[in-house]
């Protein structure tokens, strides 16, 4: 499972000219499900996102987590995170989970985040979405449950 995490002061996602999710201070998580992902990957990612210390403390040091600041989380599915561009000019999507598997795991991931009492909003799985955000910092972190990077 891969994620691009962005620390934001605000963000919203739109589908067909309707907002499906909007947050204030918190994190945007672009989530890509790999074909080999399991519950273990979902748990690892939910824990990492909840406790990743990338918010400033009173001394201006990144020492506080989403949980510490009671921040919000906007989760958007993005299979393109598993695009392999090492060969040729067109990405290969072989690593991305097939849609039905990915939908199930994505929905389970959202449920795990809710179980952690995170203030969560989300996009719409497999929809053409428009994401608008104000990156704070800017801070952008790449996560991979398979620890590729």
N, C-alpha and C. Protein backbone atom coordinates (compact mmCIF):
# COMPACT_ATOMS: atom_id res chain seq x y z
N UNK A 1 0.85 -1.17 0.00
CA UNK A 1 0.00 0.00 0.00
C UNK A 1 0.90 1.23 0.00
N UNK A 2 0.56 2.16 -0.87
CA UNK A 2 1.33 3.40 -0.95
C UNK A 2 0.45 4.58 -0.59
N UNK A 3 1.11 5.61 -0.07
CA UNK A 3 0.39 6.84 0.23
C UNK A 3 1.30 8.04 0.01
N UNK A 4 0.71 9.08 -0.50
CA UNK A 4 1.34 10.40 -0.52
C UNK A 4 0.58 11.20 0.51
N UNK A 5 1.31 11.66 1.53
CA UNK A 5 0.70 12.39 2.64
C UNK A 5 1.10 13.85 2.52
N UNK A 6 0.12 14.73 2.56
CA UNK A 6 0.40 16.16 2.53
C UNK A 6 -0.22 16.83 3.74
N UNK A 7 0.60 17.62 4.42
CA UNK A 7 0.10 18.41 5.55
C UNK A 7 -0.60 19.63 4.97
N UNK A 8 -1.85 19.87 5.36
CA UNK A 8 -2.64 20.93 4.74
C UNK A 8 -3.29 21.83 5.78
N UNK A 9 -3.59 23.05 5.33
CA UNK A 9 -4.41 23.95 6.14
C UNK A 9 -5.87 23.85 5.73
N UNK A 10 -6.11 23.31 4.51
CA UNK A 10 -7.47 23.05 4.01
C UNK A 10 -7.37 22.17 2.78
N UNK A 11 -8.42 21.41 2.53
CA UNK A 11 -8.47 20.59 1.32
C UNK A 11 -9.92 20.18 1.07
N UNK A 12 -10.20 19.96 -0.21
CA UNK A 12 -11.52 19.45 -0.57
C UNK A 12 -11.41 18.63 -1.85
N UNK A 13 -12.30 17.66 -1.98
CA UNK A 13 -12.34 16.81 -3.16
C UNK A 13 -13.75 16.91 -3.74
N UNK A 14 -13.78 17.01 -5.07
CA UNK A 14 -15.04 17.20 -5.79
C UNK A 14 -15.24 16.08 -6.79
N UNK A 15 -16.50 15.64 -6.93
CA UNK A 15 -16.90 14.67 -7.94
C UNK A 15 -18.15 15.23 -8.61
N UNK A 16 -18.09 15.38 -9.93
CA UNK A 16 -19.22 15.91 -10.70
C UNK A 16 -19.78 17.19 -10.07
N UNK A 17 -18.91 18.12 -9.80
CA UNK A 17 -19.24 19.45 -9.29
C UNK A 17 -19.90 19.44 -7.92
N UNK A 18 -19.68 18.38 -7.15
CA UNK A 18 -20.17 18.31 -5.78
C UNK A 18 -19.03 17.92 -4.86
N UNK A 19 -18.88 18.64 -3.76
CA UNK A 19 -17.85 18.30 -2.79
C UNK A 19 -18.25 17.00 -2.08
N UNK A 20 -17.33 16.01 -2.09
CA UNK A 20 -17.59 14.76 -1.37
C UNK A 20 -16.83 14.73 -0.06
N UNK A 21 -15.88 15.62 0.10
CA UNK A 21 -15.11 15.68 1.34
C UNK A 21 -14.37 16.99 1.42
N UNK A 22 -14.30 17.55 2.63
CA UNK A 22 -13.57 18.80 2.86
C UNK A 22 -13.06 18.80 4.29
N UNK A 23 -11.83 19.29 4.46
CA UNK A 23 -11.23 19.35 5.80
C UNK A 23 -10.54 20.69 5.99
N UNK A 24 -10.27 21.00 7.26
CA UNK A 24 -9.42 22.12 7.62
C UNK A 24 -8.02 21.58 7.87
N UNK A 25 -7.40 22.00 8.96
CA UNK A 25 -6.04 21.58 9.28
C UNK A 25 -5.95 20.06 9.45
N UNK A 26 -5.00 19.47 8.77
CA UNK A 26 -4.82 18.03 8.88
C UNK A 26 -3.97 17.47 7.77
N UNK A 27 -4.37 16.29 7.29
CA UNK A 27 -3.61 15.58 6.27
C UNK A 27 -4.50 15.15 5.12
N UNK A 28 -3.94 15.24 3.92
CA UNK A 28 -4.54 14.60 2.74
C UNK A 28 -3.71 13.35 2.50
N UNK A 29 -4.40 12.22 2.33
CA UNK A 29 -3.73 10.95 2.05
C UNK A 29 -4.22 10.42 0.72
N UNK A 30 -3.34 10.45 -0.28
CA UNK A 30 -3.63 9.80 -1.56
C UNK A 30 -3.21 8.35 -1.39
N UNK A 31 -4.14 7.42 -1.57
CA UNK A 31 -3.93 6.02 -1.23
C UNK A 31 -3.96 5.15 -2.48
N UNK A 32 -2.91 4.33 -2.66
CA UNK A 32 -2.87 3.36 -3.75
C UNK A 32 -2.77 1.96 -3.19
N UNK A 33 -3.70 1.09 -3.57
CA UNK A 33 -3.73 -0.29 -3.09
C UNK A 33 -2.97 -1.19 -4.07
N UNK A 34 -2.02 -1.97 -3.54
CA UNK A 34 -1.24 -2.90 -4.35
C UNK A 34 -1.95 -4.26 -4.39
N UNK A 35 -1.73 -5.00 -5.45
CA UNK A 35 -2.41 -6.29 -5.61
C UNK A 35 -2.05 -7.29 -4.51
N UNK A 36 -0.93 -7.10 -3.81
CA UNK A 36 -0.52 -8.02 -2.75
C UNK A 36 -0.89 -7.51 -1.35
N UNK A 37 -1.59 -6.38 -1.26
CA UNK A 37 -1.92 -5.81 0.04
C UNK A 37 -2.92 -6.68 0.81
N UNK A 38 -2.73 -6.67 2.13
CA UNK A 38 -3.61 -7.42 3.04
C UNK A 38 -4.01 -6.49 4.19
N UNK A 39 -4.76 -7.03 5.12
CA UNK A 39 -5.17 -6.30 6.32
C UNK A 39 -3.95 -5.74 7.05
N UNK A 40 -2.86 -6.48 7.04
CA UNK A 40 -1.63 -6.05 7.71
C UNK A 40 -1.14 -4.71 7.13
N UNK A 41 -1.21 -4.55 5.82
CA UNK A 41 -0.79 -3.31 5.18
C UNK A 41 -1.72 -2.16 5.57
N UNK A 42 -3.01 -2.43 5.62
CA UNK A 42 -3.98 -1.41 6.00
C UNK A 42 -3.74 -0.93 7.43
N UNK A 43 -3.52 -1.86 8.33
CA UNK A 43 -3.26 -1.52 9.74
C UNK A 43 -1.98 -0.70 9.88
N UNK A 44 -0.94 -1.12 9.17
CA UNK A 44 0.34 -0.39 9.22
C UNK A 44 0.14 1.04 8.75
N UNK A 45 -0.57 1.22 7.63
CA UNK A 45 -0.76 2.55 7.06
C UNK A 45 -1.63 3.42 7.96
N UNK A 46 -2.71 2.87 8.48
CA UNK A 46 -3.59 3.65 9.37
C UNK A 46 -2.83 4.12 10.60
N UNK A 47 -2.02 3.23 11.17
CA UNK A 47 -1.22 3.60 12.35
C UNK A 47 -0.19 4.66 12.00
N UNK A 48 0.49 4.49 10.88
CA UNK A 48 1.53 5.43 10.47
C UNK A 48 0.93 6.81 10.24
N UNK A 49 -0.19 6.88 9.54
CA UNK A 49 -0.82 8.18 9.25
C UNK A 49 -1.29 8.84 10.54
N UNK A 50 -1.90 8.08 11.43
CA UNK A 50 -2.41 8.65 12.68
C UNK A 50 -1.30 9.21 13.56
N UNK A 51 -0.16 8.55 13.57
CA UNK A 51 0.90 8.92 14.53
C UNK A 51 2.14 9.57 13.91
N UNK A 52 2.14 9.81 12.60
CA UNK A 52 3.27 10.45 11.94
C UNK A 52 3.44 11.87 12.48
N UNK A 53 4.60 12.15 13.04
CA UNK A 53 4.83 13.44 13.71
C UNK A 53 5.37 14.46 12.71
N UNK A 54 4.43 15.16 12.05
CA UNK A 54 4.81 16.15 11.04
C UNK A 54 4.11 17.50 11.25
N UNK A 55 3.56 17.69 12.46
CA UNK A 55 2.97 18.99 12.81
C UNK A 55 3.86 19.64 13.86
N UNK A 56 3.99 20.96 13.77
CA UNK A 56 4.88 21.70 14.66
C UNK A 56 4.39 21.71 16.10
N UNK A 57 5.35 21.61 17.03
CA UNK A 57 5.05 21.82 18.44
C UNK A 57 5.24 23.30 18.76
N UNK A 58 5.20 23.68 20.02
CA UNK A 58 5.31 25.09 20.40
C UNK A 58 6.67 25.68 20.05
N UNK A 59 7.67 24.83 19.83
CA UNK A 59 9.01 25.30 19.47
C UNK A 59 9.25 25.29 17.96
N UNK A 60 8.21 24.99 17.19
CA UNK A 60 8.36 24.97 15.74
C UNK A 60 9.03 23.72 15.20
N UNK A 61 9.09 22.67 16.01
CA UNK A 61 9.70 21.40 15.61
C UNK A 61 8.59 20.42 15.23
N UNK A 62 8.77 19.69 14.13
CA UNK A 62 7.77 18.70 13.74
C UNK A 62 7.81 17.56 14.75
N UNK A 63 6.92 17.65 15.72
CA UNK A 63 6.93 16.73 16.84
C UNK A 63 5.53 16.30 17.26
N UNK A 64 4.52 16.72 16.49
CA UNK A 64 3.14 16.40 16.85
C UNK A 64 2.47 15.65 15.69
N UNK A 65 1.56 14.76 16.04
CA UNK A 65 0.87 13.93 15.06
C UNK A 65 -0.55 14.45 14.81
N UNK A 66 -1.19 13.85 13.84
CA UNK A 66 -2.58 14.14 13.55
C UNK A 66 -3.43 13.93 14.80
N UNK A 67 -3.17 12.84 15.51
CA UNK A 67 -3.89 12.55 16.75
C UNK A 67 -3.63 13.63 17.80
N UNK A 68 -2.39 14.10 17.90
CA UNK A 68 -2.03 15.11 18.90
C UNK A 68 -2.75 16.43 18.68
N UNK A 69 -2.97 16.80 17.43
CA UNK A 69 -3.57 18.11 17.14
C UNK A 69 -5.08 18.01 16.88
N UNK A 70 -5.63 16.79 16.97
CA UNK A 70 -7.04 16.55 16.64
C UNK A 70 -7.34 17.07 15.24
N UNK A 71 -6.42 16.78 14.31
CA UNK A 71 -6.57 17.22 12.92
C UNK A 71 -7.50 16.32 12.14
N UNK A 72 -7.80 16.76 10.95
CA UNK A 72 -8.71 16.02 10.07
C UNK A 72 -7.92 15.28 9.00
N UNK A 73 -8.56 14.28 8.41
CA UNK A 73 -7.93 13.45 7.39
C UNK A 73 -8.85 13.34 6.18
N UNK A 74 -8.30 13.66 5.01
CA UNK A 74 -9.02 13.49 3.75
C UNK A 74 -8.32 12.38 2.97
N UNK A 75 -9.03 11.28 2.71
CA UNK A 75 -8.46 10.13 2.03
C UNK A 75 -9.03 10.06 0.61
N UNK A 76 -8.13 9.93 -0.37
CA UNK A 76 -8.52 9.87 -1.77
C UNK A 76 -7.83 8.67 -2.41
N UNK A 77 -8.62 7.80 -3.03
CA UNK A 77 -8.02 6.63 -3.70
C UNK A 77 -7.32 7.08 -4.97
N UNK A 78 -6.14 6.47 -5.22
CA UNK A 78 -5.37 6.86 -6.40
C UNK A 78 -4.51 5.69 -6.85
N UNK A 79 -5.07 4.86 -7.74
CA UNK A 79 -4.35 3.68 -8.21
C UNK A 79 -3.07 4.05 -8.95
N UNK A 80 -2.99 5.27 -9.47
CA UNK A 80 -1.82 5.66 -10.25
C UNK A 80 -0.53 5.71 -9.42
N UNK A 81 -0.65 5.63 -8.10
CA UNK A 81 0.55 5.58 -7.26
C UNK A 81 1.35 4.31 -7.52
N UNK A 82 0.72 3.31 -8.13
CA UNK A 82 1.42 2.07 -8.46
C UNK A 82 1.80 2.00 -9.93
N UNK A 83 1.80 3.14 -10.60
CA UNK A 83 2.25 3.18 -11.99
C UNK A 83 3.75 2.94 -12.05
N UNK A 84 4.14 2.01 -12.90
CA UNK A 84 5.55 1.69 -13.08
C UNK A 84 6.02 2.32 -14.39
N UNK A 85 6.90 3.30 -14.29
CA UNK A 85 7.38 4.06 -15.45
C UNK A 85 8.82 3.74 -15.81
N UNK A 86 9.34 2.63 -15.30
CA UNK A 86 10.74 2.31 -15.55
C UNK A 86 11.01 1.92 -16.99
N UNK A 87 10.01 1.42 -17.69
CA UNK A 87 10.21 0.96 -19.06
C UNK A 87 9.21 1.67 -19.97
N UNK A 88 9.71 2.21 -21.05
CA UNK A 88 8.84 2.87 -22.01
C UNK A 88 8.33 4.22 -21.51
N UNK A 89 7.30 4.70 -22.18
CA UNK A 89 6.76 6.04 -21.86
C UNK A 89 5.36 5.99 -21.30
N UNK A 90 4.75 4.82 -21.30
CA UNK A 90 3.41 4.68 -20.75
C UNK A 90 3.50 3.85 -19.47
N UNK A 91 2.94 4.35 -18.37
CA UNK A 91 3.01 3.59 -17.11
C UNK A 91 2.32 2.23 -17.23
N UNK A 92 2.87 1.26 -16.53
CA UNK A 92 2.23 -0.04 -16.38
C UNK A 92 1.49 -0.03 -15.06
N UNK A 93 0.27 -0.53 -15.06
CA UNK A 93 -0.55 -0.55 -13.83
C UNK A 93 -0.59 -1.94 -13.22
N UNK A 94 0.35 -2.80 -13.60
CA UNK A 94 0.35 -4.19 -13.15
C UNK A 94 0.33 -4.33 -11.62
N UNK A 95 1.03 -3.45 -10.93
CA UNK A 95 1.10 -3.56 -9.47
C UNK A 95 -0.17 -3.15 -8.75
N UNK A 96 -0.99 -2.33 -9.39
CA UNK A 96 -2.22 -1.86 -8.75
C UNK A 96 -3.22 -3.00 -8.61
N UNK A 97 -3.92 -3.02 -7.49
CA UNK A 97 -4.94 -4.06 -7.28
C UNK A 97 -6.08 -3.89 -8.28
N UNK A 98 -6.69 -4.99 -8.71
CA UNK A 98 -7.87 -4.89 -9.56
C UNK A 98 -8.97 -4.12 -8.82
N UNK A 99 -9.86 -3.45 -9.55
CA UNK A 99 -10.85 -2.56 -8.92
C UNK A 99 -11.66 -3.17 -7.77
N UNK A 100 -12.17 -4.37 -7.90
CA UNK A 100 -13.00 -4.92 -6.82
C UNK A 100 -12.18 -5.21 -5.56
N UNK A 101 -10.98 -5.73 -5.74
CA UNK A 101 -10.09 -5.95 -4.59
C UNK A 101 -9.72 -4.62 -3.96
N UNK A 102 -9.37 -3.64 -4.79
CA UNK A 102 -8.97 -2.33 -4.28
C UNK A 102 -10.13 -1.64 -3.55
N UNK A 103 -11.34 -1.73 -4.10
CA UNK A 103 -12.51 -1.11 -3.46
C UNK A 103 -12.71 -1.68 -2.06
N UNK A 104 -12.65 -3.00 -1.96
CA UNK A 104 -12.84 -3.65 -0.66
C UNK A 104 -11.78 -3.18 0.36
N UNK A 105 -10.52 -3.17 -0.06
CA UNK A 105 -9.45 -2.77 0.85
C UNK A 105 -9.50 -1.28 1.17
N UNK A 106 -9.86 -0.46 0.19
CA UNK A 106 -10.00 0.98 0.41
C UNK A 106 -11.10 1.25 1.44
N UNK A 107 -12.23 0.61 1.28
CA UNK A 107 -13.34 0.80 2.23
C UNK A 107 -12.96 0.29 3.61
N UNK A 108 -12.22 -0.80 3.67
CA UNK A 108 -11.75 -1.32 4.96
C UNK A 108 -10.78 -0.33 5.60
N UNK A 109 -9.92 0.28 4.79
CA UNK A 109 -8.99 1.28 5.31
C UNK A 109 -9.75 2.47 5.91
N UNK A 110 -10.77 2.95 5.21
CA UNK A 110 -11.59 4.05 5.74
C UNK A 110 -12.21 3.65 7.07
N UNK A 111 -12.71 2.42 7.17
CA UNK A 111 -13.32 1.94 8.41
C UNK A 111 -12.28 1.90 9.54
N UNK A 112 -11.07 1.44 9.24
CA UNK A 112 -10.01 1.41 10.26
C UNK A 112 -9.70 2.82 10.77
N UNK A 113 -9.67 3.79 9.87
CA UNK A 113 -9.41 5.17 10.28
C UNK A 113 -10.53 5.69 11.17
N UNK A 114 -11.77 5.35 10.84
CA UNK A 114 -12.92 5.78 11.66
C UNK A 114 -12.87 5.12 13.03
N UNK A 115 -12.47 3.84 13.06
CA UNK A 115 -12.35 3.12 14.34
C UNK A 115 -11.32 3.79 15.25
N UNK A 116 -10.37 4.50 14.68
CA UNK A 116 -9.34 5.20 15.44
C UNK A 116 -9.81 6.59 15.86
N UNK A 117 -11.07 6.87 15.61
CA UNK A 117 -11.69 8.16 15.95
C UNK A 117 -11.05 9.33 15.23
N UNK A 118 -10.56 9.09 14.03
CA UNK A 118 -10.04 10.18 13.21
C UNK A 118 -11.20 10.89 12.53
N UNK A 119 -11.12 12.21 12.46
CA UNK A 119 -12.12 12.99 11.73
C UNK A 119 -11.80 12.83 10.26
N UNK A 120 -12.53 11.95 9.58
CA UNK A 120 -12.16 11.54 8.23
C UNK A 120 -13.23 11.92 7.22
N UNK A 121 -12.74 12.35 6.06
CA UNK A 121 -13.56 12.60 4.88
C UNK A 121 -12.89 11.82 3.75
N UNK A 122 -13.63 11.61 2.65
CA UNK A 122 -13.03 10.85 1.57
C UNK A 122 -13.59 11.25 0.22
N UNK A 123 -12.85 10.83 -0.80
CA UNK A 123 -13.32 10.98 -2.17
C UNK A 123 -14.24 9.82 -2.49
N UNK A 124 -14.51 9.62 -3.77
CA UNK A 124 -15.37 8.54 -4.24
C UNK A 124 -14.52 7.57 -5.04
N UNK A 125 -14.52 6.32 -4.63
CA UNK A 125 -13.69 5.31 -5.27
C UNK A 125 -14.02 5.21 -6.75
N UNK A 126 -13.00 5.19 -7.58
CA UNK A 126 -13.05 5.02 -9.03
C UNK A 126 -13.76 6.16 -9.75
N UNK A 127 -13.91 7.30 -9.10
CA UNK A 127 -14.54 8.46 -9.75
C UNK A 127 -13.47 9.38 -10.31
N UNK A 128 -13.86 10.20 -11.26
CA UNK A 128 -12.99 11.27 -11.75
C UNK A 128 -13.12 12.41 -10.73
N UNK A 129 -12.07 12.63 -9.96
CA UNK A 129 -12.13 13.59 -8.85
C UNK A 129 -11.24 14.79 -9.12
N UNK A 130 -11.60 15.89 -8.49
CA UNK A 130 -10.79 17.11 -8.51
C UNK A 130 -10.44 17.43 -7.06
N UNK A 131 -9.15 17.53 -6.80
CA UNK A 131 -8.65 17.76 -5.46
C UNK A 131 -8.05 19.15 -5.38
N UNK A 132 -8.48 19.90 -4.39
CA UNK A 132 -7.94 21.23 -4.15
C UNK A 132 -7.41 21.26 -2.73
N UNK A 133 -6.18 21.76 -2.56
CA UNK A 133 -5.61 21.80 -1.21
C UNK A 133 -4.61 22.92 -1.07
N UNK A 134 -4.38 23.31 0.16
CA UNK A 134 -3.31 24.24 0.49
C UNK A 134 -2.32 23.48 1.35
N UNK A 135 -1.18 23.14 0.75
CA UNK A 135 -0.14 22.39 1.44
C UNK A 135 0.54 23.33 2.42
N UNK A 136 0.62 22.91 3.66
CA UNK A 136 1.21 23.73 4.73
C UNK A 136 2.65 23.31 4.92
N UNK A 137 3.55 24.24 4.70
CA UNK A 137 4.97 23.95 4.88
C UNK A 137 5.81 24.38 3.70
N UNK A 138 5.75 23.75 2.58
CA UNK A 138 5.01 22.53 2.26
C UNK A 138 5.64 21.29 2.89
N UNK A 139 4.77 20.37 3.29
CA UNK A 139 5.23 19.08 3.82
C UNK A 139 4.52 17.98 3.03
N UNK A 140 5.32 17.13 2.39
CA UNK A 140 4.81 15.99 1.64
C UNK A 140 5.68 14.78 1.97
N UNK A 141 5.03 13.69 2.36
CA UNK A 141 5.73 12.48 2.78
C UNK A 141 5.24 11.30 1.94
N UNK A 142 6.16 10.43 1.52
CA UNK A 142 5.81 9.22 0.80
C UNK A 142 5.88 8.04 1.76
N UNK A 143 4.84 7.20 1.75
CA UNK A 143 4.81 6.02 2.61
C UNK A 143 4.55 4.78 1.75
N UNK A 144 5.14 3.66 2.13
CA UNK A 144 4.90 2.40 1.44
C UNK A 144 4.95 1.29 2.47
N UNK A 145 3.85 0.55 2.61
CA UNK A 145 3.78 -0.50 3.62
C UNK A 145 4.72 -1.66 3.31
N UNK A 146 5.17 -1.78 2.07
CA UNK A 146 6.13 -2.81 1.69
C UNK A 146 7.57 -2.31 1.88
N UNK A 147 7.68 -1.07 2.36
CA UNK A 147 8.95 -0.45 2.71
C UNK A 147 9.91 -0.38 1.53
N UNK A 148 9.35 -0.07 0.35
CA UNK A 148 10.17 0.09 -0.84
C UNK A 148 10.95 1.41 -0.77
N UNK A 149 10.37 2.40 -0.14
CA UNK A 149 11.06 3.68 0.07
C UNK A 149 10.69 4.24 1.41
